[in-house]
Amino acid sequence: MNLTTITKTEQKMIETVLSSKVSTAYSNTELHTVEDCKDQYLKADEIASIAKNAIKDKLQGFALLKAKKIICDDEWDAAQLTHKTSKKWKDFLHVLNLIGKDGAVSKNVLYLLDFAGYKESGGKIETASHYREVKKVSSTKTHTEIDAMYDEAGGEALVTAKEVKKGVQKQKVWVQPLFEKEVGKEPRITLSSVAYGMEINNTMPTPTPEEWKSFYRTVASCVHPDKGGNSEHTAILTQLNKMYQLVFTHEKEVSKKNEWNADYKMWKEDKGYKDEFIKEEEL
C-alpha cells in the first residue's frame, strides 16, 4: 500500500488556513463530554467542508492575484486596464472557464481577488465567504477595520458564513428602511448613467454646422427681448449653442483622427510593416 505523507511545512500551512474553530475547538483535546463527542461526530462533514473551502479559497485567490500581477504588470491594481492588457487577462480567465456567456468576468473571480488582496495586506479572516459577509456591511476597505468588525461579531468562534452574516448585521443597522417607512420607497431611475447618455445622443437632432447657424440666428431673433422674448430664453439658446459647438468640434477631431489612422494603416502596408513594433534591421 502506498501512503501519501505531507511535510511539516505543508501541515503548518493547512493548519493556519483553517479557522480556530476547525483546528482547535474540533480536536480530541476539546472533547470532554458525550455531548461534545456527539456534536463533533454529527458536524464532521460540515466542518470538513468548511476546512476544504478555506484552503481552496486561499489557494485560488492567491493564484489569481499572482497571475494578474504577472499578466498586467504595473496595471494589475488599476481600476481600468488598457485594452491590450485587459484582453490578455480575460484570455487567461477564459482558459479557466471564468468568463460568463455575456463576456463578463465571474463574480467569484472578483471575490477571490479581493480576498487575496486583503490577506496579502495582513488580514486575519481565513475564509473568503466569511470575509465577504463582513465586507458587505463594512463601509471601509482597510483590513484592520474589517478584522475589528469580525472580532466584534464573534471572530474565530464563528463557523459558517451564515453565523458571520448574523453576527455582523447585529452591529450595523441600515437606516434607509427607517426613512422609507416615513416617506416611501426610494424613487427608481429607469436609465443608468451610461444608458441615459446613449439615449440623449440617439434622440438629439444632428444638424450640420451651417444648418445650426441658420437655425440659431432665426431663433435668436425671436427670443430677443426686443422681439418679445426674455433673458431666460436667450440663456437657454446660448447653452444649446455651446453644446452644439462641442459636438461639432468633437466630430471634426474624430474625423481627423480617423483620416490619420487610415493614412497610417496604408503607410504601414506600403512599407510592409505587419506589426506595431519591428526589428531595427527591418526598417
C-alpha atoms as a PDB file:
ATOM      1  CA  MET A   1       0.000   0.000   0.000  1.00  0.00           C
ATOM      2  CA  ASN A   2       1.320   3.443  -0.932  1.00  0.00           C
ATOM      3  CA  LEU A   3       0.852   6.036   1.800  1.00  0.00           C
ATOM      4  CA  THR A   4       0.807   9.715   0.968  1.00  0.00           C
ATOM      5  CA  THR A   5       2.558  11.880   3.548  1.00  0.00           C
ATOM      6  CA  ILE A   6       2.869  15.648   3.832  1.00  0.00           C
ATOM      7  CA  THR A   7       5.760  17.675   5.136  1.00  0.00           C
ATOM      8  CA  LYS A   8       5.634  19.667   8.367  1.00  0.00           C
ATOM      9  CA  THR A   9       5.666  22.860   6.285  1.00  0.00           C
ATOM     10  CA  GLU A  10       2.605  21.741   4.329  1.00  0.00           C
ATOM     11  CA  GLN A  11       0.882  20.675   7.536  1.00  0.00           C
ATOM     12  CA  LYS A  12       1.583  24.071   9.087  1.00  0.00           C
ATOM     13  CA  MET A  13       0.175  25.848   6.029  1.00  0.00           C
ATOM     14  CA  ILE A  14      -3.044  23.842   6.193  1.00  0.00           C
ATOM     15  CA  GLU A  15      -3.434  24.470   9.925  1.00  0.00           C
ATOM     16  CA  THR A  16      -3.031  28.230   9.536  1.00  0.00           C
ATOM     17  CA  VAL A  17      -5.592  28.286   6.731  1.00  0.00           C
ATOM     18  CA  LEU A  18      -8.247  26.692   8.909  1.00  0.00           C
ATOM     19  CA  SER A  19     -10.194  28.757  11.420  1.00  0.00           C
ATOM     20  CA  SER A  20      -9.519  28.069  15.090  1.00  0.00           C
ATOM     21  CA  LYS A  21     -12.990  26.572  15.303  1.00  0.00           C
ATOM     22  CA  VAL A  22     -11.781  23.845  12.962  1.00  0.00           C
ATOM     23  CA  SER A  23      -8.224  23.406  14.162  1.00  0.00           C
ATOM     24  CA  THR A  24      -8.780  23.854  17.892  1.00  0.00           C
ATOM     25  CA  ALA A  25     -12.400  23.610  19.010  1.00  0.00           C
ATOM     26  CA  TYR A  26     -12.916  20.485  16.940  1.00  0.00           C
ATOM     27  CA  SER A  27      -9.993  18.426  18.185  1.00  0.00           C
ATOM     28  CA  ASN A  28      -9.633  15.456  20.516  1.00  0.00           C
ATOM     29  CA  THR A  29      -8.414  17.631  23.397  1.00  0.00           C
ATOM     30  CA  GLU A  30     -11.693  19.556  23.402  1.00  0.00           C
ATOM     31  CA  LEU A  31     -13.953  16.514  23.779  1.00  0.00           C
ATOM     32  CA  HIS A  32     -14.857  16.417  27.479  1.00  0.00           C
ATOM     33  CA  THR A  33     -18.398  15.040  27.452  1.00  0.00           C
ATOM     34  CA  VAL A  34     -20.509  12.586  25.473  1.00  0.00           C
ATOM     35  CA  GLU A  35     -22.402  15.581  24.063  1.00  0.00           C
ATOM     36  CA  ASP A  36     -19.114  17.028  22.795  1.00  0.00           C
ATOM     37  CA  CYS A  37     -18.375  13.753  21.031  1.00  0.00           C
ATOM     38  CA  LYS A  38     -21.872  13.600  19.555  1.00  0.00           C
ATOM     39  CA  ASP A  39     -21.655  17.221  18.394  1.00  0.00           C
ATOM     40  CA  GLN A  40     -18.287  16.718  16.693  1.00  0.00           C
ATOM     41  CA  TYR A  41     -19.375  13.488  15.002  1.00  0.00           C
ATOM     42  CA  LEU A  42     -22.567  14.998  13.571  1.00  0.00           C
ATOM     43  CA  LYS A  43     -20.839  18.187  12.410  1.00  0.00           C
ATOM     44  CA  ALA A  44     -17.783  16.469  10.937  1.00  0.00           C
ATOM     45  CA  ASP A  45     -18.980  16.743   7.329  1.00  0.00           C
ATOM     46  CA  GLU A  46     -19.861  20.411   7.713  1.00  0.00           C
ATOM     47  CA  ILE A  47     -16.561  21.278   9.387  1.00  0.00           C
ATOM     48  CA  ALA A  48     -14.552  19.278   6.831  1.00  0.00           C
ATOM     49  CA  SER A  49     -16.361  21.142   4.043  1.00  0.00           C
ATOM     50  CA  ILE A  50     -15.536  24.491   5.640  1.00  0.00           C
ATOM     51  CA  ALA A  51     -11.895  23.471   6.003  1.00  0.00           C
ATOM     52  CA  LYS A  52     -11.774  22.377   2.364  1.00  0.00           C
ATOM     53  CA  ASN A  53     -13.304  25.652   1.174  1.00  0.00           C
ATOM     54  CA  ALA A  54     -10.903  27.666   3.311  1.00  0.00           C
ATOM     55  CA  ILE A  55      -7.909  26.008   1.665  1.00  0.00           C
ATOM     56  CA  LYS A  56      -9.464  26.239  -1.808  1.00  0.00           C
ATOM     57  CA  ASP A  57     -10.336  29.954  -1.418  1.00  0.00           C
ATOM     58  CA  LYS A  58      -6.848  30.830  -0.283  1.00  0.00           C
ATOM     59  CA  LEU A  59      -5.039  28.814  -2.964  1.00  0.00           C
ATOM     60  CA  GLN A  60      -7.276  30.043  -5.810  1.00  0.00           C
ATOM     61  CA  GLY A  61      -7.317  33.631  -4.580  1.00  0.00           C
ATOM     62  CA  PHE A  62      -3.536  33.934  -4.423  1.00  0.00           C
ATOM     63  CA  ALA A  63      -3.188  32.137  -7.772  1.00  0.00           C
ATOM     64  CA  LEU A  64      -5.478  34.691  -9.446  1.00  0.00           C
ATOM     65  CA  LEU A  65      -3.772  37.624  -7.729  1.00  0.00           C
ATOM     66  CA  LYS A  66      -0.315  36.439  -8.776  1.00  0.00           C
ATOM     67  CA  ALA A  67      -1.495  35.745 -12.339  1.00  0.00           C
ATOM     68  CA  LYS A  68      -2.975  39.232 -12.637  1.00  0.00           C
ATOM     69  CA  LYS A  69       0.277  40.795 -11.433  1.00  0.00           C
ATOM     70  CA  ILE A  70       2.294  38.743 -13.931  1.00  0.00           C
ATOM     71  CA  ILE A  71      -0.030  39.468 -16.860  1.00  0.00           C
ATOM     72  CA  CYS A  72      -0.903  43.098 -16.129  1.00  0.00           C
ATOM     73  CA  ASP A  73       2.410  44.199 -14.597  1.00  0.00           C
ATOM     74  CA  ASP A  74       2.135  47.794 -13.299  1.00  0.00           C
ATOM     75  CA  GLU A  75      -1.557  47.959 -14.231  1.00  0.00           C
ATOM     76  CA  TRP A  76      -2.670  44.976 -12.150  1.00  0.00           C
ATOM     77  CA  ASP A  77      -4.450  47.074  -9.499  1.00  0.00           C
ATOM     78  CA  ALA A  78      -5.739  49.794 -11.844  1.00  0.00           C
ATOM     79  CA  ALA A  79      -9.479  50.445 -11.907  1.00  0.00           C
ATOM     80  CA  GLN A  80      -9.468  50.183 -15.714  1.00  0.00           C
ATOM     81  CA  LEU A  81      -6.881  48.139 -17.580  1.00  0.00           C
ATOM     82  CA  THR A  82      -5.761  49.160 -21.039  1.00  0.00           C
ATOM     83  CA  HIS A  83      -7.493  47.267 -23.844  1.00  0.00           C
ATOM     84  CA  LYS A  84      -4.381  45.225 -24.651  1.00  0.00           C
ATOM     85  CA  THR A  85      -3.746  44.215 -21.035  1.00  0.00           C
ATOM     86  CA  SER A  86      -7.431  43.589 -20.370  1.00  0.00           C
ATOM     87  CA  LYS A  87      -7.571  41.166 -23.315  1.00  0.00           C
ATOM     88  CA  LYS A  88      -4.591  39.159 -22.005  1.00  0.00           C
ATOM     89  CA  TRP A  89      -6.159  38.957 -18.540  1.00  0.00           C
ATOM     90  CA  LYS A  90      -9.546  37.916 -19.938  1.00  0.00           C
ATOM     91  CA  ASP A  91      -7.911  35.335 -22.182  1.00  0.00           C
ATOM     92  CA  PHE A  92      -6.295  33.810 -19.086  1.00  0.00           C
ATOM     93  CA  LEU A  93      -9.647  33.702 -17.267  1.00  0.00           C
ATOM     94  CA  HIS A  94     -11.331  32.283 -20.364  1.00  0.00           C
ATOM     95  CA  VAL A  95      -8.953  29.307 -20.312  1.00  0.00           C
ATOM     96  CA  LEU A  96     -10.097  28.620 -16.724  1.00  0.00           C
ATOM     97  CA  ASN A  97     -13.791  28.973 -17.722  1.00  0.00           C
ATOM     98  CA  LEU A  98     -14.118  32.056 -15.532  1.00  0.00           C
ATOM     99  CA  ILE A  99     -15.723  34.243 -18.210  1.00  0.00           C
ATOM    100  CA  GLY A 100     -19.517  34.168 -18.456  1.00  0.00           C
ATOM    101  CA  LYS A 101     -21.583  33.816 -21.639  1.00  0.00           C
ATOM    102  CA  ASP A 102     -22.068  37.591 -21.627  1.00  0.00           C
ATOM    103  CA  GLY A 103     -18.281  38.056 -21.700  1.00  0.00           C
ATOM    104  CA  ALA A 104     -18.168  39.372 -18.146  1.00  0.00           C
ATOM    105  CA  VAL A 105     -15.674  38.208 -15.535  1.00  0.00           C
ATOM    106  CA  SER A 106     -17.180  35.800 -12.994  1.00  0.00           C
ATOM    107  CA  LYS A 107     -18.181  37.475  -9.723  1.00  0.00           C
ATOM    108  CA  ASN A 108     -16.358  34.717  -7.878  1.00  0.00           C
ATOM    109  CA  VAL A 109     -13.109  35.863  -9.522  1.00  0.00           C
ATOM    110  CA  LEU A 110     -13.637  39.369  -8.187  1.00  0.00           C
ATOM    111  CA  TYR A 111     -14.445  37.992  -4.725  1.00  0.00           C
ATOM    112  CA  LEU A 112     -11.337  35.810  -4.660  1.00  0.00           C
ATOM    113  CA  LEU A 113      -9.081  38.639  -5.907  1.00  0.00           C
ATOM    114  CA  ASP A 114     -10.473  40.948  -3.258  1.00  0.00           C
ATOM    115  CA  PHE A 115      -9.985  38.300  -0.572  1.00  0.00           C
ATOM    116  CA  ALA A 116      -6.423  37.526  -1.712  1.00  0.00           C
ATOM    117  CA  GLY A 117      -5.545  41.240  -1.673  1.00  0.00           C
ATOM    118  CA  TYR A 118      -6.982  41.512   1.831  1.00  0.00           C
ATOM    119  CA  LYS A 119      -4.900  38.531   3.002  1.00  0.00           C
ATOM    120  CA  GLU A 120      -1.794  39.920   1.339  1.00  0.00           C
ATOM    121  CA  SER A 121      -2.307  43.109   3.362  1.00  0.00           C
ATOM    122  CA  GLY A 122      -2.276  41.078   6.582  1.00  0.00           C
ATOM    123  CA  GLY A 123      -5.971  40.333   7.120  1.00  0.00           C
ATOM    124  CA  LYS A 124      -6.791  37.657   9.700  1.00  0.00           C
ATOM    125  CA  ILE A 125     -10.037  36.167   8.298  1.00  0.00           C
ATOM    126  CA  GLU A 126      -9.154  32.808   6.739  1.00  0.00           C
ATOM    127  CA  THR A 127     -12.239  32.076   4.636  1.00  0.00           C
ATOM    128  CA  ALA A 128     -13.359  34.117   1.632  1.00  0.00           C
ATOM    129  CA  SER A 129     -17.038  33.555   2.425  1.00  0.00           C
ATOM    130  CA  HIS A 130     -16.524  34.956   5.956  1.00  0.00           C
ATOM    131  CA  TYR A 131     -14.592  37.933   4.619  1.00  0.00           C
ATOM    132  CA  ARG A 132     -17.310  38.591   2.035  1.00  0.00           C
ATOM    133  CA  GLU A 133     -20.059  38.752   4.671  1.00  0.00           C
ATOM    134  CA  VAL A 134     -18.090  41.283   6.744  1.00  0.00           C
ATOM    135  CA  LYS A 135     -17.216  43.329   3.658  1.00  0.00           C
ATOM    136  CA  LYS A 136     -20.896  43.605   2.664  1.00  0.00           C
ATOM    137  CA  VAL A 137     -21.713  45.701   5.734  1.00  0.00           C
ATOM    138  CA  SER A 138     -18.338  47.396   6.086  1.00  0.00           C
ATOM    139  CA  SER A 139     -18.021  50.987   4.872  1.00  0.00           C
ATOM    140  CA  THR A 140     -14.231  50.710   4.934  1.00  0.00           C
ATOM    141  CA  LYS A 141     -11.671  48.840   2.864  1.00  0.00           C
ATOM    142  CA  THR A 142      -8.791  48.624   5.341  1.00  0.00           C
ATOM    143  CA  HIS A 143      -8.046  45.134   6.607  1.00  0.00           C
ATOM    144  CA  THR A 144      -7.559  46.284  10.213  1.00  0.00           C
ATOM    145  CA  GLU A 145     -11.077  47.729  10.492  1.00  0.00           C
ATOM    146  CA  ILE A 146     -12.587  44.699   8.778  1.00  0.00           C
ATOM    147  CA  ASP A 147     -10.754  42.455  11.266  1.00  0.00           C
ATOM    148  CA  ALA A 148     -12.055  44.558  14.162  1.00  0.00           C
ATOM    149  CA  MET A 149     -15.640  44.202  12.932  1.00  0.00           C
ATOM    150  CA  TYR A 150     -15.131  40.453  12.510  1.00  0.00           C
ATOM    151  CA  ASP A 151     -13.821  40.137  16.075  1.00  0.00           C
ATOM    152  CA  GLU A 152     -16.769  42.118  17.462  1.00  0.00           C
ATOM    153  CA  ALA A 153     -19.158  39.778  15.642  1.00  0.00           C
ATOM    154  CA  GLY A 154     -17.572  36.692  17.220  1.00  0.00           C
ATOM    155  CA  GLY A 155     -14.395  36.245  15.227  1.00  0.00           C
ATOM    156  CA  GLU A 156     -12.865  32.800  15.044  1.00  0.00           C
ATOM    157  CA  ALA A 157     -15.712  31.321  17.085  1.00  0.00           C
ATOM    158  CA  LEU A 158     -17.952  31.777  14.031  1.00  0.00           C
ATOM    159  CA  VAL A 159     -18.008  28.628  11.911  1.00  0.00           C
ATOM    160  CA  THR A 160     -20.337  29.217   8.962  1.00  0.00           C
ATOM    161  CA  ALA A 161     -20.811  32.233   6.705  1.00  0.00           C
ATOM    162  CA  LYS A 162     -24.396  32.376   7.932  1.00  0.00           C
ATOM    163  CA  GLU A 163     -23.147  32.865  11.517  1.00  0.00           C
ATOM    164  CA  VAL A 164     -20.796  35.621  10.331  1.00  0.00           C
ATOM    165  CA  LYS A 165     -23.623  37.355   8.471  1.00  0.00           C
ATOM    166  CA  LYS A 166     -25.850  37.215  11.531  1.00  0.00           C
ATOM    167  CA  GLY A 167     -23.063  38.480  13.792  1.00  0.00           C
ATOM    168  CA  VAL A 168     -22.016  41.472  11.690  1.00  0.00           C
ATOM    169  CA  GLN A 169     -25.595  42.511  10.932  1.00  0.00           C
ATOM    170  CA  LYS A 170     -26.237  42.844  14.641  1.00  0.00           C
ATOM    171  CA  GLN A 171     -23.565  45.536  14.739  1.00  0.00           C
ATOM    172  CA  LYS A 172     -24.860  47.509  11.776  1.00  0.00           C
ATOM    173  CA  VAL A 173     -28.350  48.909  11.409  1.00  0.00           C
ATOM    174  CA  TRP A 174     -29.361  50.003   7.920  1.00  0.00           C
ATOM    175  CA  VAL A 175     -31.204  53.254   8.441  1.00  0.00           C
ATOM    176  CA  GLN A 176     -32.636  53.616   4.927  1.00  0.00           C
ATOM    177  CA  PRO A 177     -35.634  51.315   5.650  1.00  0.00           C
ATOM    178  CA  LEU A 178     -36.459  53.515   8.654  1.00  0.00           C
ATOM    179  CA  PHE A 179     -36.560  56.573   6.400  1.00  0.00           C
ATOM    180  CA  GLU A 180     -38.616  54.689   3.774  1.00  0.00           C
ATOM    181  CA  LYS A 181     -41.252  53.928   6.408  1.00  0.00           C
ATOM    182  CA  GLU A 182     -41.780  57.666   6.800  1.00  0.00           C
ATOM    183  CA  VAL A 183     -41.593  58.905   3.209  1.00  0.00           C
ATOM    184  CA  GLY A 184     -41.935  55.823   0.995  1.00  0.00           C
ATOM    185  CA  LYS A 185     -39.554  53.751  -1.134  1.00  0.00           C
ATOM    186  CA  GLU A 186     -36.549  55.288  -2.822  1.00  0.00           C
ATOM    187  CA  PRO A 187     -37.526  56.500  -6.328  1.00  0.00           C
ATOM    188  CA  ARG A 188     -36.141  54.376  -9.165  1.00  0.00           C
ATOM    189  CA  ILE A 189     -34.117  55.682 -12.097  1.00  0.00           C
ATOM    190  CA  THR A 190     -35.159  53.982 -15.326  1.00  0.00           C
ATOM    191  CA  LEU A 191     -31.886  54.502 -17.178  1.00  0.00           C
ATOM    192  CA  SER A 192     -28.344  54.002 -15.928  1.00  0.00           C
ATOM    193  CA  SER A 193     -25.911  56.878 -16.464  1.00  0.00           C
ATOM    194  CA  VAL A 194     -24.445  55.089 -19.494  1.00  0.00           C
ATOM    195  CA  ALA A 195     -27.869  54.284 -20.990  1.00  0.00           C
ATOM    196  CA  TYR A 196     -29.009  57.852 -20.307  1.00  0.00           C
ATOM    197  CA  GLY A 197     -26.045  59.266 -22.244  1.00  0.00           C
ATOM    198  CA  MET A 198     -26.737  56.892 -25.132  1.00  0.00           C
ATOM    199  CA  GLU A 199     -30.421  57.834 -25.255  1.00  0.00           C
ATOM    200  CA  ILE A 200     -29.600  61.551 -25.218  1.00  0.00           C
ATOM    201  CA  ASN A 201     -27.137  61.000 -28.042  1.00  0.00           C
ATOM    202  CA  ASN A 202     -29.638  58.944 -30.070  1.00  0.00           C
ATOM    203  CA  THR A 203     -32.534  61.414 -29.704  1.00  0.00           C
ATOM    204  CA  MET A 204     -30.558  64.636 -30.160  1.00  0.00           C
ATOM    205  CA  PRO A 205     -31.014  66.342 -33.558  1.00  0.00           C
ATOM    206  CA  THR A 206     -27.920  66.203 -35.774  1.00  0.00           C
ATOM    207  CA  PRO A 207     -27.815  69.390 -37.855  1.00  0.00           C
ATOM    208  CA  THR A 208     -24.761  70.379 -39.839  1.00  0.00           C
ATOM    209  CA  PRO A 209     -22.820  73.422 -38.582  1.00  0.00           C
ATOM    210  CA  GLU A 210     -24.409  75.507 -41.368  1.00  0.00           C
ATOM    211  CA  GLU A 211     -27.948  74.292 -40.538  1.00  0.00           C
ATOM    212  CA  TRP A 212     -27.402  75.046 -36.865  1.00  0.00           C
ATOM    213  CA  LYS A 213     -26.041  78.522 -37.624  1.00  0.00           C
ATOM    214  CA  SER A 214     -29.139  79.340 -39.679  1.00  0.00           C
ATOM    215  CA  PHE A 215     -31.483  77.926 -37.005  1.00  0.00           C
ATOM    216  CA  TYR A 216     -29.647  79.764 -34.216  1.00  0.00           C
ATOM    217  CA  ARG A 217     -29.896  83.144 -35.968  1.00  0.00           C
ATOM    218  CA  THR A 218     -33.613  82.646 -36.659  1.00  0.00           C
ATOM    219  CA  VAL A 219     -34.469  81.608 -33.080  1.00  0.00           C
ATOM    220  CA  ALA A 220     -32.166  84.244 -31.547  1.00  0.00           C
ATOM    221  CA  SER A 221     -34.089  86.990 -33.317  1.00  0.00           C
ATOM    222  CA  CYS A 222     -37.357  85.561 -31.970  1.00  0.00           C
ATOM    223  CA  VAL A 223     -36.296  85.243 -28.311  1.00  0.00           C
ATOM    224  CA  HIS A 224     -34.532  88.608 -28.141  1.00  0.00           C
ATOM    225  CA  PRO A 225     -36.167  90.857 -25.511  1.00  0.00           C
ATOM    226  CA  ASP A 226     -36.811  93.481 -28.180  1.00  0.00           C
ATOM    227  CA  LYS A 227     -38.847  90.879 -30.100  1.00  0.00           C
ATOM    228  CA  GLY A 228     -40.974  89.753 -27.161  1.00  0.00           C
ATOM    229  CA  GLY A 229     -38.593  87.177 -25.750  1.00  0.00           C
ATOM    230  CA  ASN A 230     -36.822  87.264 -22.390  1.00  0.00           C
ATOM    231  CA  SER A 231     -33.389  86.705 -20.844  1.00  0.00           C
ATOM    232  CA  GLU A 232     -34.260  83.141 -19.744  1.00  0.00           C
ATOM    233  CA  HIS A 233     -34.996  82.097 -23.336  1.00  0.00           C
ATOM    234  CA  THR A 234     -31.784  83.728 -24.519  1.00  0.00           C
ATOM    235  CA  ALA A 235     -29.779  81.883 -21.812  1.00  0.00           C
ATOM    236  CA  ILE A 236     -31.246  78.509 -22.880  1.00  0.00           C
ATOM    237  CA  LEU A 237     -30.394  79.165 -26.509  1.00  0.00           C
ATOM    238  CA  THR A 238     -26.868  80.223 -25.542  1.00  0.00           C
ATOM    239  CA  GLN A 239     -26.345  76.940 -23.665  1.00  0.00           C
ATOM    240  CA  LEU A 240     -27.677  74.956 -26.627  1.00  0.00           C
ATOM    241  CA  ASN A 241     -25.215  76.799 -28.851  1.00  0.00           C
ATOM    242  CA  LYS A 242     -22.329  75.886 -26.531  1.00  0.00           C
ATOM    243  CA  MET A 243     -23.435  72.246 -26.578  1.00  0.00           C
ATOM    244  CA  TYR A 244     -23.538  72.076 -30.366  1.00  0.00           C
ATOM    245  CA  GLN A 245     -20.162  73.791 -30.687  1.00  0.00           C
ATOM    246  CA  LEU A 246     -18.736  70.982 -28.511  1.00  0.00           C
ATOM    247  CA  VAL A 247     -20.463  68.406 -30.736  1.00  0.00           C
ATOM    248  CA  PHE A 248     -19.107  69.962 -33.936  1.00  0.00           C
ATOM    249  CA  THR A 249     -15.565  70.243 -32.502  1.00  0.00           C
ATOM    250  CA  HIS A 250     -15.635  66.606 -31.345  1.00  0.00           C
ATOM    251  CA  GLU A 251     -16.910  65.366 -34.715  1.00  0.00           C
ATOM    252  CA  LYS A 252     -14.178  67.313 -36.517  1.00  0.00           C
ATOM    253  CA  GLU A 253     -11.486  65.863 -34.235  1.00  0.00           C
ATOM    254  CA  VAL A 254     -12.829  62.295 -34.662  1.00  0.00           C
ATOM    255  CA  SER A 255     -12.872  62.736 -38.413  1.00  0.00           C
ATOM    256  CA  LYS A 256      -9.253  63.970 -38.449  1.00  0.00           C
ATOM    257  CA  LYS A 257      -8.147  61.083 -36.223  1.00  0.00           C
ATOM    258  CA  ASN A 258      -9.878  58.516 -38.452  1.00  0.00           C
ATOM    259  CA  GLU A 259      -8.207  60.018 -41.529  1.00  0.00           C
ATOM    260  CA  TRP A 260      -4.813  59.898 -39.794  1.00  0.00           C
ATOM    261  CA  ASN A 261      -5.281  56.256 -38.777  1.00  0.00           C
ATOM    262  CA  ALA A 262      -6.347  55.335 -42.303  1.00  0.00           C
ATOM    263  CA  ASP A 263      -3.212  57.013 -43.701  1.00  0.00           C
ATOM    264  CA  TYR A 264      -1.074  55.270 -41.077  1.00  0.00           C
ATOM    265  CA  LYS A 265      -2.544  51.868 -41.979  1.00  0.00           C
ATOM    266  CA  MET A 266      -1.895  52.442 -45.674  1.00  0.00           C
ATOM    267  CA  TRP A 267       1.649  53.669 -44.955  1.00  0.00           C
ATOM    268  CA  LYS A 268       2.437  50.511 -42.945  1.00  0.00           C
ATOM    269  CA  GLU A 269       1.097  48.321 -45.753  1.00  0.00           C
ATOM    270  CA  ASP A 270       3.210  50.190 -48.319  1.00  0.00           C
ATOM    271  CA  LYS A 271       6.302  49.724 -46.131  1.00  0.00           C
ATOM    272  CA  GLY A 272       5.485  46.068 -45.458  1.00  0.00           C
ATOM    273  CA  TYR A 273       5.259  46.596 -41.685  1.00  0.00           C
ATOM    274  CA  LYS A 274       2.873  43.974 -40.263  1.00  0.00           C
ATOM    275  CA  ASP A 275       3.248  44.836 -36.576  1.00  0.00           C
ATOM    276  CA  GLU A 276       3.459  47.979 -34.444  1.00  0.00           C
ATOM    277  CA  PHE A 277       6.984  47.055 -33.354  1.00  0.00           C
ATOM    278  CA  ILE A 278       9.605  45.642 -35.692  1.00  0.00           C
ATOM    279  CA  LYS A 279      13.289  44.794 -35.542  1.00  0.00           C
ATOM    280  CA  GLU A 280      15.646  47.663 -36.284  1.00  0.00           C
ATOM    281  CA  GLU A 281      17.146  45.855 -39.287  1.00  0.00           C
ATOM    282  CA  GLU A 282      13.672  45.670 -40.868  1.00  0.00           C
ATOM    283  CA  LEU A 283      13.451  49.457 -41.175  1.00  0.00           C
END
